[in-house]
C-alpha atoms as a PDB file:
ATOM      1  CA  MET A   1      16.055  15.670  -6.845  1.00  0.00           C
ATOM      2  CA  ASP A   2      18.012  12.532  -8.324  1.00  0.00           C
ATOM      3  CA  LYS A   3      16.232  10.364 -10.826  1.00  0.00           C
ATOM      4  CA  VAL A   4      14.216   7.618  -9.259  1.00  0.00           C
ATOM      5  CA  VAL A   5      15.744   4.259 -10.100  1.00  0.00           C
ATOM      6  CA  PRO A   6      13.074   1.519  -9.759  1.00  0.00           C
ATOM      7  CA  LYS A   7      13.806  -1.499  -7.548  1.00  0.00           C
ATOM      8  CA  ASP A   8      12.186  -4.793  -8.071  1.00  0.00           C
ATOM      9  CA  GLN A   9      10.573  -5.327  -4.656  1.00  0.00           C
ATOM     10  CA  SER A  10       8.124  -7.886  -3.706  1.00  0.00           C
ATOM     11  CA  PRO A  11       5.259  -7.634  -0.953  1.00  0.00           C
ATOM     12  CA  GLU A  12       6.491 -10.872   0.468  1.00  0.00           C
ATOM     13  CA  ASP A  13       9.653  -9.058   1.599  1.00  0.00           C
ATOM     14  CA  LEU A  14       7.665  -6.390   3.578  1.00  0.00           C
ATOM     15  CA  ILE A  15       8.515  -6.199   7.347  1.00  0.00           C
ATOM     16  CA  LEU A  16       6.659  -4.194   9.970  1.00  0.00           C
ATOM     17  CA  ASN A  17       9.218  -2.459  12.114  1.00  0.00           C
ATOM     18  CA  ILE A  18       7.936  -0.798  15.246  1.00  0.00           C
ATOM     19  CA  ILE A  19      10.588   1.433  16.787  1.00  0.00           C
ATOM     20  CA  ARG A  20      10.245   2.588  20.296  1.00  0.00           C
ATOM     21  CA  GLY A  21      11.513   6.173  20.023  1.00  0.00           C
ATOM     22  CA  SER A  22      12.097   8.307  17.028  1.00  0.00           C
ATOM     23  CA  ILE A  23      14.421   8.122  13.997  1.00  0.00           C
ATOM     24  CA  LYS A  24      15.505  10.590  11.408  1.00  0.00           C
ATOM     25  CA  SER A  25      14.158   9.108   8.187  1.00  0.00           C
ATOM     26  CA  LYS A  26      16.569  10.890   5.922  1.00  0.00           C
ATOM     27  CA  ASP A  27      19.470   8.974   7.690  1.00  0.00           C
ATOM     28  CA  HIS A  28      17.974   5.731   6.438  1.00  0.00           C
ATOM     29  CA  PHE A  29      15.712   6.378   3.473  1.00  0.00           C
ATOM     30  CA  ARG A  30      14.995   8.508   0.457  1.00  0.00           C
ATOM     31  CA  VAL A  31      11.741  10.394   1.503  1.00  0.00           C
ATOM     32  CA  PHE A  32       9.468  11.132  -1.534  1.00  0.00           C
ATOM     33  CA  GLU A  33       6.396  12.682   0.159  1.00  0.00           C
ATOM     34  CA  THR A  34       5.527  13.852   3.674  1.00  0.00           C
ATOM     35  CA  GLY A  35       2.783  15.311   5.633  1.00  0.00           C
ATOM     36  CA  PHE A  36       2.195  16.107   9.275  1.00  0.00           C
ATOM     37  CA  ILE A  37      -0.320  16.734  12.076  1.00  0.00           C
ATOM     38  CA  GLU A  38       0.576  18.570  15.141  1.00  0.00           C
ATOM     39  CA  CYS A  39      -1.283  19.798  18.036  1.00  0.00           C
ATOM     40  CA  GLN A  40      -1.133  19.858  21.874  1.00  0.00           C
ATOM     41  CA  ASP A  41       0.589  16.576  23.119  1.00  0.00           C
ATOM     42  CA  LEU A  42       0.307  14.885  19.669  1.00  0.00           C
ATOM     43  CA  PHE A  43       2.545  14.845  16.663  1.00  0.00           C
ATOM     44  CA  VAL A  44       2.271  12.656  13.537  1.00  0.00           C
ATOM     45  CA  ARG A  45       4.410  12.745  10.457  1.00  0.00           C
ATOM     46  CA  ALA A  46       3.662  10.324   7.540  1.00  0.00           C
ATOM     47  CA  GLU A  47       6.267   9.613   4.841  1.00  0.00           C
ATOM     48  CA  ILE A  48       6.395   7.782   1.694  1.00  0.00           C
ATOM     49  CA  ILE A  49       9.790   5.992   1.126  1.00  0.00           C
ATOM     50  CA  GLY A  50       9.924   3.927  -1.937  1.00  0.00           C
ATOM     51  CA  ALA A  51       7.035   1.541  -2.102  1.00  0.00           C
ATOM     52  CA  SER A  52       6.839   1.763   1.668  1.00  0.00           C
ATOM     53  CA  HIS A  53       5.891   4.242   4.359  1.00  0.00           C
ATOM     54  CA  VAL A  54       6.915   5.668   7.798  1.00  0.00           C
ATOM     55  CA  ILE A  55       4.641   6.936  10.459  1.00  0.00           C
ATOM     56  CA  HIS A  56       6.291   8.983  13.237  1.00  0.00           C
ATOM     57  CA  PHE A  57       3.903   9.222  16.225  1.00  0.00           C
ATOM     58  CA  SER A  58       4.394  10.930  19.519  1.00  0.00           C
ATOM     59  CA  TYR A  59       1.931  11.558  22.320  1.00  0.00           C
ATOM     60  CA  LYS A  60       3.054  13.307  25.512  1.00  0.00           C
ATOM     61  CA  ASN A  61       6.162  11.104  26.438  1.00  0.00           C
ATOM     62  CA  VAL A  62       5.603   8.130  23.984  1.00  0.00           C
ATOM     63  CA  ALA A  63       7.294   8.267  20.623  1.00  0.00           C
ATOM     64  CA  LEU A  64       6.982   5.396  18.236  1.00  0.00           C
ATOM     65  CA  CYS A  65       7.963   4.893  14.649  1.00  0.00           C
ATOM     66  CA  GLU A  66       6.101   2.449  12.263  1.00  0.00           C
ATOM     67  CA  VAL A  67       8.329   1.566   9.250  1.00  0.00           C
ATOM     68  CA  PHE A  68       6.538  -0.735   6.781  1.00  0.00           C
ATOM     69  CA  ALA A  69       9.202  -1.511   4.277  1.00  0.00           C
ATOM     70  CA  CYS A  70      11.181  -4.325   2.489  1.00  0.00           C
ATOM     71  CA  LEU A  71      13.885  -4.017   5.107  1.00  0.00           C
ATOM     72  CA  HIS A  72      14.737  -5.304   8.602  1.00  0.00           C
ATOM     73  CA  MET A  73      15.614  -2.169  10.624  1.00  0.00           C
ATOM     74  CA  ASP A  74      18.662  -2.886  12.627  1.00  0.00           C
ATOM     75  CA  LEU A  75      19.214  -0.069  15.162  1.00  0.00           C
ATOM     76  CA  PRO A  76      21.158  -1.429  18.116  1.00  0.00           C
ATOM     77  CA  GLU A  77      20.408   1.682  20.162  1.00  0.00           C
ATOM     78  CA  LYS A  78      16.720   1.375  19.676  1.00  0.00           C
ATOM     79  CA  ASP A  79      14.004  -1.157  20.839  1.00  0.00           C
ATOM     80  CA  VAL A  80      12.636  -2.541  17.572  1.00  0.00           C
ATOM     81  CA  ILE A  81       9.829  -5.005  17.128  1.00  0.00           C
ATOM     82  CA  HIS A  82       9.892  -6.843  13.708  1.00  0.00           C
ATOM     83  CA  LYS A  83       6.988  -8.683  12.131  1.00  0.00           C
ATOM     84  CA  SER A  84       7.167 -10.152   8.644  1.00  0.00           C
ATOM     85  CA  ILE A  85       4.240  -9.751   6.211  1.00  0.00           C
ATOM     86  CA  TYR A  86       3.432 -13.422   6.939  1.00  0.00           C
ATOM     87  CA  ASN A  87       3.165 -12.605  10.581  1.00  0.00           C
ATOM     88  CA  CYS A  88       0.835  -9.677   9.763  1.00  0.00           C
ATOM     89  CA  SER A  89      -1.283 -10.675   6.980  1.00  0.00           C
ATOM     90  CA  ASP A  90      -5.029 -11.126   7.696  1.00  0.00           C
ATOM     91  CA  LYS A  91      -4.185 -10.777  11.412  1.00  0.00           C
ATOM     92  CA  THR A  92      -4.273  -8.001  13.887  1.00  0.00           C
ATOM     93  CA  ILE A  93      -1.002  -7.068  15.498  1.00  0.00           C
ATOM     94  CA  THR A  94      -1.624  -5.559  18.830  1.00  0.00           C
ATOM     95  CA  LEU A  95       1.046  -3.829  21.065  1.00  0.00           C
ATOM     96  CA  GLN A  96       0.891  -1.493  24.053  1.00  0.00           C
ATOM     97  CA  PHE A  97       3.357   1.264  24.834  1.00  0.00           C
ATOM     98  CA  GLY A  98       2.435   2.943  28.252  1.00  0.00           C
ATOM     99  CA  PRO A  99      -0.635   4.826  27.544  1.00  0.00           C
ATOM    100  CA  VAL A 100      -0.636   4.031  23.719  1.00  0.00           C
ATOM    101  CA  ASP A 101      -2.212   0.854  22.245  1.00  0.00           C
ATOM    102  CA  TYR A 102      -1.130   0.103  18.729  1.00  0.00           C
ATOM    103  CA  ASN A 103      -3.166  -2.089  16.338  1.00  0.00           C
ATOM    104  CA  MET A 104      -2.312  -2.944  12.758  1.00  0.00           C
ATOM    105  CA  THR A 105      -3.952  -5.300  10.211  1.00  0.00           C
ATOM    106  CA  THR A 106      -2.690  -6.081   6.568  1.00  0.00           C
ATOM    107  CA  GLN A 107      -4.129  -7.716   3.703  1.00  0.00           C
ATOM    108  CA  ILE A 108      -2.871  -8.613   0.315  1.00  0.00           C
ATOM    109  CA  LYS A 109      -4.996  -8.694  -2.884  1.00  0.00           C
ATOM    110  CA  ASN A 110      -4.188  -9.290  -6.366  1.00  0.00           C
ATOM    111  CA  TRP A 111      -4.033  -6.293  -8.796  1.00  0.00           C
ATOM    112  CA  ALA A 112      -7.419  -6.665 -10.224  1.00  0.00           C
ATOM    113  CA  GLN A 113      -9.037  -6.808  -6.863  1.00  0.00           C
ATOM    114  CA  GLY A 114      -6.889  -3.962  -5.445  1.00  0.00           C
ATOM    115  CA  GLU A 115      -6.873  -1.452  -8.366  1.00  0.00           C
ATOM    116  CA  PRO A 116     -10.404  -0.167  -7.698  1.00  0.00           C
ATOM    117  CA  LEU A 117      -9.516   0.399  -4.050  1.00  0.00           C
ATOM    118  CA  ILE A 118      -6.407   2.140  -5.088  1.00  0.00           C
ATOM    119  CA  ASN A 119      -8.226   4.487  -7.424  1.00  0.00           C
ATOM    120  CA  ALA A 120     -10.849   5.114  -4.774  1.00  0.00           C
ATOM    121  CA  LEU A 121      -8.466   6.151  -2.063  1.00  0.00           C
ATOM    122  CA  GLU A 122      -6.296   8.179  -4.434  1.00  0.00           C
ATOM    123  CA  GLU A 123      -9.395   9.983  -5.808  1.00  0.00           C
ATOM    124  CA  GLN A 124     -10.560  10.653  -2.281  1.00  0.00           C
ATOM    125  CA  ILE A 125      -7.193  12.202  -1.282  1.00  0.00           C
ATOM    126  CA  ARG A 126      -6.663  14.162  -4.479  1.00  0.00           C
ATOM    127  CA  SER A 127     -10.205  15.627  -4.599  1.00  0.00           C
ATOM    128  CA  ALA A 128     -10.634  16.538  -0.920  1.00  0.00           C
ATOM    129  CA  ARG A 129      -9.002  19.235   0.925  1.00  0.00           C
ATOM    130  CA  MET A 130      -7.126  17.740   3.821  1.00  0.00           C
ATOM    131  CA  ASP A 131      -7.903  19.596   7.001  1.00  0.00           C
ATOM    132  CA  GLU A 132      -5.647  19.889   9.975  1.00  0.00           C
ATOM    133  CA  ASN A 133      -6.731  16.546  11.251  1.00  0.00           C
ATOM    134  CA  GLU A 134      -5.708  14.558   8.072  1.00  0.00           C
ATOM    135  CA  ILE A 135      -2.862  13.737   5.989  1.00  0.00           C
ATOM    136  CA  GLY A 136      -3.232  12.436   2.486  1.00  0.00           C
ATOM    137  CA  ILE A 137      -0.082  11.583   0.313  1.00  0.00           C
ATOM    138  CA  VAL A 138       0.278   9.761  -2.864  1.00  0.00           C
ATOM    139  CA  TYR A 139       3.436   8.618  -4.947  1.00  0.00           C
ATOM    140  CA  GLU A 140       3.694   6.696  -8.115  1.00  0.00           C
ATOM    141  CA  PHE A 141       6.973   5.360  -9.108  1.00  0.00           C
ATOM    142  CA  PRO A 142       8.236   4.808 -12.720  1.00  0.00           C
ATOM    143  CA  LYS A 143       6.593   1.906 -14.527  1.00  0.00           C
ATOM    144  CA  VAL A 144       8.723  -1.244 -15.096  1.00  0.00           C
ATOM    145  CA  ASN A 145       7.331  -3.871 -17.367  1.00  0.00           C
ATOM    146  CA  SER A 146       3.742  -2.942 -16.495  1.00  0.00           C
ATOM    147  CA  ASP A 147       0.908  -0.541 -17.441  1.00  0.00           C
ATOM    148  CA  HIS A 148       1.133   0.907 -14.021  1.00  0.00           C
ATOM    149  CA  GLY A 149       3.843   2.220 -11.831  1.00  0.00           C
ATOM    150  CA  PRO A 150       4.259   0.960  -8.222  1.00  0.00           C
ATOM    151  CA  LYS A 151       2.258   3.339  -6.033  1.00  0.00           C
ATOM    152  CA  THR A 152       2.075   4.092  -2.185  1.00  0.00           C
ATOM    153  CA  ILE A 153      -0.970   5.913  -0.766  1.00  0.00           C
ATOM    154  CA  VAL A 154      -0.969   7.080   2.827  1.00  0.00           C
ATOM    155  CA  LYS A 155      -3.997   8.600   4.666  1.00  0.00           C
ATOM    156  CA  VAL A 156      -3.819   9.576   8.286  1.00  0.00           C
ATOM    157  CA  THR A 157      -6.782  10.866  10.377  1.00  0.00           C
ATOM    158  CA  THR A 158      -7.144  11.916  13.953  1.00  0.00           C
ATOM    159  CA  ASP A 159      -9.677  13.162  16.331  1.00  0.00           C
ATOM    160  CA  ARG A 160      -6.769  14.750  18.268  1.00  0.00           C
ATOM    161  CA  SER A 161      -7.964  13.475  21.593  1.00  0.00           C
ATOM    162  CA  SER A 162      -7.900   9.653  21.545  1.00  0.00           C
ATOM    163  CA  GLN A 163      -6.955   8.160  18.211  1.00  0.00           C
ATOM    164  CA  VAL A 164      -4.775   8.235  15.115  1.00  0.00           C
ATOM    165  CA  ARG A 165      -5.814   6.082  12.202  1.00  0.00           C
ATOM    166  CA  VAL A 166      -3.508   5.149   9.337  1.00  0.00           C
ATOM    167  CA  GLU A 167      -4.710   3.685   6.083  1.00  0.00           C
ATOM    168  CA  THR A 168      -2.091   2.703   3.442  1.00  0.00           C
ATOM    169  CA  ILE A 169      -2.162   1.046   0.108  1.00  0.00           C
ATOM    170  CA  HIS A 170       1.210  -0.305  -1.547  1.00  0.00           C
ATOM    171  CA  GLY A 171       0.755  -1.318  -5.177  1.00  0.00           C
ATOM    172  CA  TYR A 172       3.046  -3.783  -6.808  1.00  0.00           C
ATOM    173  CA  PRO A 173       1.773  -4.158 -10.324  1.00  0.00           C
ATOM    174  CA  ASN A 174       4.912  -6.010 -11.389  1.00  0.00           C
ATOM    175  CA  LYS A 175       4.081  -8.715  -8.755  1.00  0.00           C
ATOM    176  CA  ASP A 176       0.253  -8.573  -9.457  1.00  0.00           C
ATOM    177  CA  SER A 177      -0.244  -7.556  -5.741  1.00  0.00           C
ATOM    178  CA  VAL A 178      -1.588  -4.857  -3.589  1.00  0.00           C
ATOM    179  CA  VAL A 179      -0.991  -4.601   0.136  1.00  0.00           C
ATOM    180  CA  PHE A 180      -3.429  -2.721   2.346  1.00  0.00           C
ATOM    181  CA  THR A 181      -2.649  -1.731   5.966  1.00  0.00           C
ATOM    182  CA  ASN A 182      -4.801  -0.284   8.610  1.00  0.00           C
ATOM    183  CA  ALA A 183      -3.217   0.934  11.798  1.00  0.00           C
ATOM    184  CA  ALA A 184      -4.681   2.761  14.928  1.00  0.00           C
ATOM    185  CA  PHE A 185      -2.781   4.582  17.703  1.00  0.00           C
ATOM    186  CA  ASP A 186      -5.168   4.659  20.717  1.00  0.00           C
ATOM    187  CA  PHE A 187      -4.259   6.975  23.503  1.00  0.00           C
END
């Protein structure tokens, strides 16, 4: 794999892109880590793309893709909803797609407040054996003028019958910021 070249990104540039339908991530991003859950009528794939993430979700005939990244997804052939971090922060975004309700909240903390939570979730993922109802992926990027590298952590859980929960942490030590997201796909 090619060497990772750090980009100076800021949490203020994050955009929530909800895409109705599916996309091929590798056509748009470099995927660093991935995990999936698959069972009858339900498929979830989580991906870390830079200091960002993608969640592919499909249930019966509904396919959605959550892209939380420092970019505005311009896909003319797709129905895409865009929300800037300012429209998401400390609020709940609620959308409905047929039988699927989608809810997401975000919160930004400074590094000192967020670092213990980063360490706790990372330790939980690394020490636990993920079962077939869970995804836990972590990626730390090269350090740039900081004691810590930017880090993305994604944890997905499902009961396989009515809900998928997604918890993510995006650490930006160069900006003294940590972004937390919690999303739920209820079906």
